[in-house]
Amino acid sequence: MFLIRRLHKWFGLVLGLQFLLWSISGAAMALIDHRKVAGDQSIVHVAPSPAPAALLPLDRIVQAVGQPISRLELRPLHDAWVYAATTPSGIQLVDPVDGRRIVIDDARAKDLAIASFNGSAPVTSVSLVEKPTLETRDFALPAWRVEFADKERTTLILNAVTGEVAGAKTNTWRLWDFFWMIHIMDYTDRQSFNHPLIIIIATGCLWLALSGFIMLFSAFRRQDFAYIHDGIEWLQRRR
């Protein structure tokens, strides 16, 4: 019992610090406005202009793409319309009127981001992201990262192939993501909540609870239950 008590004390100290971090991070995530975390208020959803009446024949579209097409979709791209052709090598964008290939380069990504940004702050940087980062880990890559100079450092993430705005990241999200990292104890990718570290800590918490119950019951003596026994006898005499 001495060993259990000693281990319980030191386990309680170490795991108590983690319990404190869980409490602080959980409370912080609950208090932060989830709408600001999502970043939807940073994106303007513009109604598309009417689709062009004169479209190229399908054979011209196939010729412009130069590959077999498994799916062809006419979709808006800000104030214009494009054909999104699904091919063995991926999606290709084609102008539905003249058949030109449309590529989402840095200049076009910047224009699309400015048109979709709910604000007037200027753009501070445009960069192509090809490997997952903390901000782009949930988005399809490659993607364009366009950052604005507002107080939230709003960053719009655009699909580098289709030009669609995939989402927005702000300082509010970055703060929430920091507390999320602490809460799930994934200090690298901030995604997994069943990694070895948290499993070890959870096992330690289970042992701490079990050892606490063992010490609790072992601390009771027969005389501790005398009042209960006397109360039962008193009730029996009243019958």
Protein backbone atom coordinates (compact mmCIF):
# COMPACT_ATOMS: atom_id res chain seq x y z
CA MET A 1 0.00 0.00 0.00
CA PHE A 2 2.95 2.32 0.69
CA LEU A 3 4.15 1.91 -2.92
CA ILE A 4 0.66 2.64 -4.30
CA ARG A 5 0.40 5.77 -2.18
CA ARG A 6 3.82 6.99 -3.30
CA LEU A 7 3.13 6.32 -6.98
CA HIS A 8 -0.33 7.86 -6.68
CA LYS A 9 1.18 11.07 -5.31
CA TRP A 10 3.69 11.51 -8.14
CA PHE A 11 1.30 10.37 -10.85
CA GLY A 12 -1.23 12.83 -9.48
CA LEU A 13 1.30 15.67 -9.69
CA VAL A 14 2.27 14.96 -13.31
CA LEU A 15 -1.21 14.12 -14.56
CA GLY A 16 -2.71 16.98 -12.57
CA LEU A 17 -0.74 19.41 -14.72
CA GLN A 18 -2.16 17.76 -17.82
CA PHE A 19 -5.68 17.93 -16.35
CA LEU A 20 -5.10 21.66 -15.85
CA LEU A 21 -4.01 22.07 -19.48
CA TRP A 22 -7.05 20.11 -20.65
CA SER A 23 -9.33 22.32 -18.58
CA ILE A 24 -7.77 25.56 -19.81
CA SER A 25 -7.70 24.53 -23.47
CA GLY A 26 -11.22 23.12 -23.36
CA ALA A 27 -12.59 26.27 -21.74
CA ALA A 28 -10.75 28.49 -24.23
CA MET A 29 -12.12 26.59 -27.24
CA ALA A 30 -15.63 26.79 -25.81
CA LEU A 31 -15.35 30.55 -25.22
CA ILE A 32 -13.96 31.45 -28.67
CA ASP A 33 -16.72 32.34 -31.15
CA HIS A 34 -17.08 29.32 -33.46
CA ARG A 35 -18.29 31.53 -36.32
CA LYS A 36 -15.03 33.47 -36.26
CA VAL A 37 -13.10 30.21 -36.09
CA ALA A 38 -14.86 28.91 -39.23
CA GLY A 39 -13.96 32.13 -41.08
CA ASP A 40 -17.10 32.12 -43.21
CA GLN A 41 -17.68 35.81 -42.50
CA SER A 42 -14.42 36.58 -44.33
CA ILE A 43 -15.73 35.20 -47.63
CA VAL A 44 -18.17 36.96 -49.92
CA HIS A 45 -20.36 34.60 -51.94
CA VAL A 46 -20.96 36.43 -55.22
CA ALA A 47 -23.96 35.49 -57.34
CA PRO A 48 -22.71 34.23 -60.72
CA SER A 49 -23.42 36.17 -63.89
CA PRO A 50 -25.75 34.62 -66.50
CA ALA A 51 -24.18 31.71 -68.36
CA PRO A 52 -23.09 32.45 -71.92
CA ALA A 53 -25.68 31.64 -74.54
CA ALA A 54 -23.26 30.60 -77.29
CA LEU A 55 -21.21 27.63 -76.11
CA LEU A 56 -18.59 25.73 -78.03
CA PRO A 57 -19.62 22.33 -79.40
CA LEU A 58 -18.47 19.39 -77.33
CA ASP A 59 -16.06 18.17 -80.00
CA ARG A 60 -14.24 21.52 -79.82
CA ILE A 61 -14.01 21.17 -76.04
CA VAL A 62 -12.56 17.66 -76.38
CA GLN A 63 -10.08 18.98 -78.91
CA ALA A 64 -9.07 21.84 -76.61
CA VAL A 65 -8.55 19.50 -73.66
CA GLY A 66 -6.59 16.95 -75.68
CA GLN A 67 -7.45 14.03 -73.38
CA PRO A 68 -10.41 11.71 -72.80
CA ILE A 69 -13.07 13.45 -70.71
CA SER A 70 -14.99 11.43 -68.14
CA ARG A 71 -17.03 14.39 -66.88
CA LEU A 72 -17.72 17.89 -68.14
CA GLU A 73 -19.28 20.55 -65.93
CA LEU A 74 -20.15 24.16 -66.70
CA ARG A 75 -19.48 26.14 -63.52
CA PRO A 76 -19.04 29.78 -62.48
CA LEU A 77 -15.60 31.19 -61.70
CA HIS A 78 -16.28 34.55 -60.04
CA ASP A 79 -17.73 36.74 -62.81
CA ALA A 80 -17.11 34.25 -65.64
CA TRP A 81 -18.03 30.70 -66.58
CA VAL A 82 -15.71 27.80 -67.32
CA TYR A 83 -15.89 24.19 -68.34
CA ALA A 84 -14.33 21.89 -65.75
CA ALA A 85 -13.23 18.80 -67.65
CA THR A 86 -12.28 15.72 -65.61
CA THR A 87 -9.49 13.83 -67.38
CA PRO A 88 -7.10 11.00 -66.43
CA SER A 89 -4.53 13.63 -65.41
CA GLY A 90 -6.97 15.71 -63.35
CA ILE A 91 -9.35 18.61 -63.85
CA GLN A 92 -8.73 21.13 -66.61
CA LEU A 93 -10.52 24.45 -67.02
CA VAL A 94 -11.58 25.59 -70.48
CA ASP A 95 -13.28 28.78 -71.60
CA PRO A 96 -16.72 27.68 -72.87
CA VAL A 97 -16.82 30.37 -75.57
CA ASP A 98 -13.43 30.30 -77.27
CA GLY A 99 -11.90 27.05 -75.92
CA ARG A 100 -8.88 28.66 -74.25
CA ARG A 101 -7.20 26.72 -71.46
CA ILE A 102 -7.56 28.55 -68.15
CA VAL A 103 -4.74 28.25 -65.64
CA ILE A 104 -4.98 29.49 -62.07
CA ASP A 105 -1.66 31.31 -61.73
CA ASP A 106 -0.65 33.68 -58.94
CA ALA A 107 -2.16 36.75 -60.62
CA ARG A 108 -5.52 35.07 -61.22
CA ALA A 109 -5.50 33.59 -57.70
CA LYS A 110 -4.91 37.08 -56.28
CA ASP A 111 -7.79 38.53 -58.32
CA LEU A 112 -10.13 35.72 -57.27
CA ALA A 113 -9.15 36.15 -53.61
CA ILE A 114 -9.71 39.92 -53.70
CA ALA A 115 -13.12 39.39 -55.28
CA SER A 116 -14.06 36.85 -52.59
CA PHE A 117 -12.65 38.73 -49.60
CA ASN A 118 -15.14 40.44 -47.32
CA GLY A 119 -12.97 43.46 -46.61
CA SER A 120 -10.87 46.22 -48.16
CA ALA A 121 -7.40 45.41 -46.82
CA PRO A 122 -4.65 44.92 -49.42
CA VAL A 123 -2.98 41.62 -50.22
CA THR A 124 0.34 41.09 -48.46
CA SER A 125 1.41 37.79 -50.01
CA VAL A 126 0.44 35.14 -52.56
CA SER A 127 2.12 31.75 -52.33
CA LEU A 128 1.61 28.30 -53.79
CA VAL A 129 1.33 25.56 -51.15
CA GLU A 130 2.22 22.08 -52.38
CA LYS A 131 2.89 20.34 -49.05
CA PRO A 132 0.50 20.29 -46.08
CA THR A 133 0.93 23.04 -43.50
CA LEU A 134 -0.99 23.79 -40.31
CA GLU A 135 -3.28 26.11 -42.26
CA THR A 136 -3.77 23.91 -45.31
CA ARG A 137 -3.80 20.45 -43.72
CA ASP A 138 -7.54 20.01 -44.37
CA PHE A 139 -7.53 21.23 -47.99
CA ALA A 140 -6.72 19.61 -51.32
CA LEU A 141 -3.27 20.55 -52.58
CA PRO A 142 -1.77 22.29 -54.42
CA ALA A 143 -3.50 25.45 -53.25
CA TRP A 144 -2.92 29.19 -53.37
CA ARG A 145 -2.53 30.97 -50.05
CA VAL A 146 -3.51 34.64 -50.27
CA GLU A 147 -2.99 36.69 -47.11
CA PHE A 148 -4.53 40.11 -46.43
CA ALA A 149 -3.31 42.97 -44.21
CA ASP A 150 -6.37 43.21 -41.96
CA LYS A 151 -6.17 42.90 -38.16
CA GLU A 152 -7.15 39.19 -38.36
CA ARG A 153 -4.44 38.44 -40.96
CA THR A 154 -7.16 36.77 -43.00
CA THR A 155 -5.83 34.15 -45.39
CA LEU A 156 -7.94 32.72 -48.19
CA ILE A 157 -7.07 29.25 -49.48
CA LEU A 158 -7.89 28.68 -53.15
CA ASN A 159 -7.74 25.42 -55.06
CA ALA A 160 -4.83 25.80 -57.48
CA VAL A 161 -6.60 23.78 -60.18
CA THR A 162 -10.20 25.03 -60.07
CA GLY A 163 -9.73 28.46 -58.49
CA GLU A 164 -12.47 27.78 -55.94
CA VAL A 165 -12.14 29.36 -52.50
CA ALA A 166 -11.71 26.37 -50.19
CA GLY A 167 -11.76 28.27 -46.92
CA ALA A 168 -10.39 31.09 -44.79
CA LYS A 169 -7.99 31.16 -41.86
CA THR A 170 -7.76 34.04 -39.38
CA ASN A 171 -5.94 34.89 -36.16
CA THR A 172 -9.01 33.70 -34.27
CA TRP A 173 -8.67 30.29 -35.93
CA ARG A 174 -4.92 30.26 -35.23
CA LEU A 175 -5.58 30.91 -31.53
CA TRP A 176 -8.26 28.19 -31.44
CA ASP A 177 -5.94 25.79 -33.27
CA PHE A 178 -3.23 26.40 -30.64
CA PHE A 179 -5.60 25.36 -27.85
CA TRP A 180 -6.77 22.41 -29.98
CA MET A 181 -3.13 21.26 -30.20
CA ILE A 182 -2.80 21.43 -26.40
CA HIS A 183 -6.10 19.64 -25.88
CA ILE A 184 -5.37 16.65 -28.12
CA MET A 185 -1.62 16.67 -27.31
CA ASP A 186 -0.64 16.39 -30.97
CA TYR A 187 2.16 18.93 -31.12
CA THR A 188 3.13 18.32 -34.75
CA ASP A 189 0.20 17.78 -37.14
CA ARG A 190 -2.57 18.81 -34.69
CA GLN A 191 -4.93 16.20 -36.12
CA SER A 192 -4.68 12.89 -34.26
CA PHE A 193 -6.32 12.29 -30.90
CA ASN A 194 -5.37 8.61 -30.56
CA HIS A 195 -1.59 8.86 -30.82
CA PRO A 196 0.75 7.03 -28.38
CA LEU A 197 1.31 10.04 -26.09
CA ILE A 198 -2.36 10.62 -25.30
CA ILE A 199 -2.94 6.86 -24.94
CA ILE A 200 -0.15 6.71 -22.33
CA ILE A 201 -1.57 9.71 -20.48
CA ALA A 202 -5.10 8.25 -20.60
CA THR A 203 -3.78 4.93 -19.24
CA GLY A 204 -2.03 6.83 -16.46
CA CYS A 205 -5.28 8.63 -15.62
CA LEU A 206 -7.08 5.29 -15.44
CA TRP A 207 -4.43 3.91 -13.09
CA LEU A 208 -4.66 7.09 -11.00
CA ALA A 209 -8.42 6.63 -10.59
CA LEU A 210 -8.13 2.92 -9.74
CA SER A 211 -5.35 3.48 -7.23
CA GLY A 212 -7.39 6.26 -5.67
CA PHE A 213 -10.34 3.92 -5.21
CA ILE A 214 -8.06 1.27 -3.67
CA MET A 215 -6.67 3.75 -1.18
CA LEU A 216 -10.13 5.14 -0.45
CA PHE A 217 -11.59 1.76 0.49
CA SER A 218 -8.49 0.71 2.38
CA ALA A 219 -8.75 3.88 4.47
CA PHE A 220 -12.13 2.83 5.91
CA ARG A 221 -12.29 0.99 9.24
CA ARG A 222 -15.06 -1.08 10.76
CA GLN A 223 -15.93 1.69 13.22
CA ASP A 224 -16.47 4.11 10.32
CA PHE A 225 -19.66 2.20 9.56
CA ALA A 226 -20.90 2.20 13.17
CA TYR A 227 -23.25 5.12 12.55
CA ILE A 228 -24.81 3.31 9.61
CA HIS A 229 -25.23 0.15 11.70
CA ASP A 230 -26.77 2.12 14.59
CA GLY A 231 -29.14 3.84 12.19
CA ILE A 232 -30.33 0.54 10.76
CA GLU A 233 -30.93 -0.85 14.23
CA TRP A 234 -32.89 2.25 15.23
CA LEU A 235 -35.13 1.90 12.15
CA GLN A 236 -35.71 -1.76 12.95
CA ARG A 237 -36.79 -0.91 16.52
CA ARG A 238 -39.26 1.66 15.22
CA ARG A 239 -41.15 -0.98 13.24
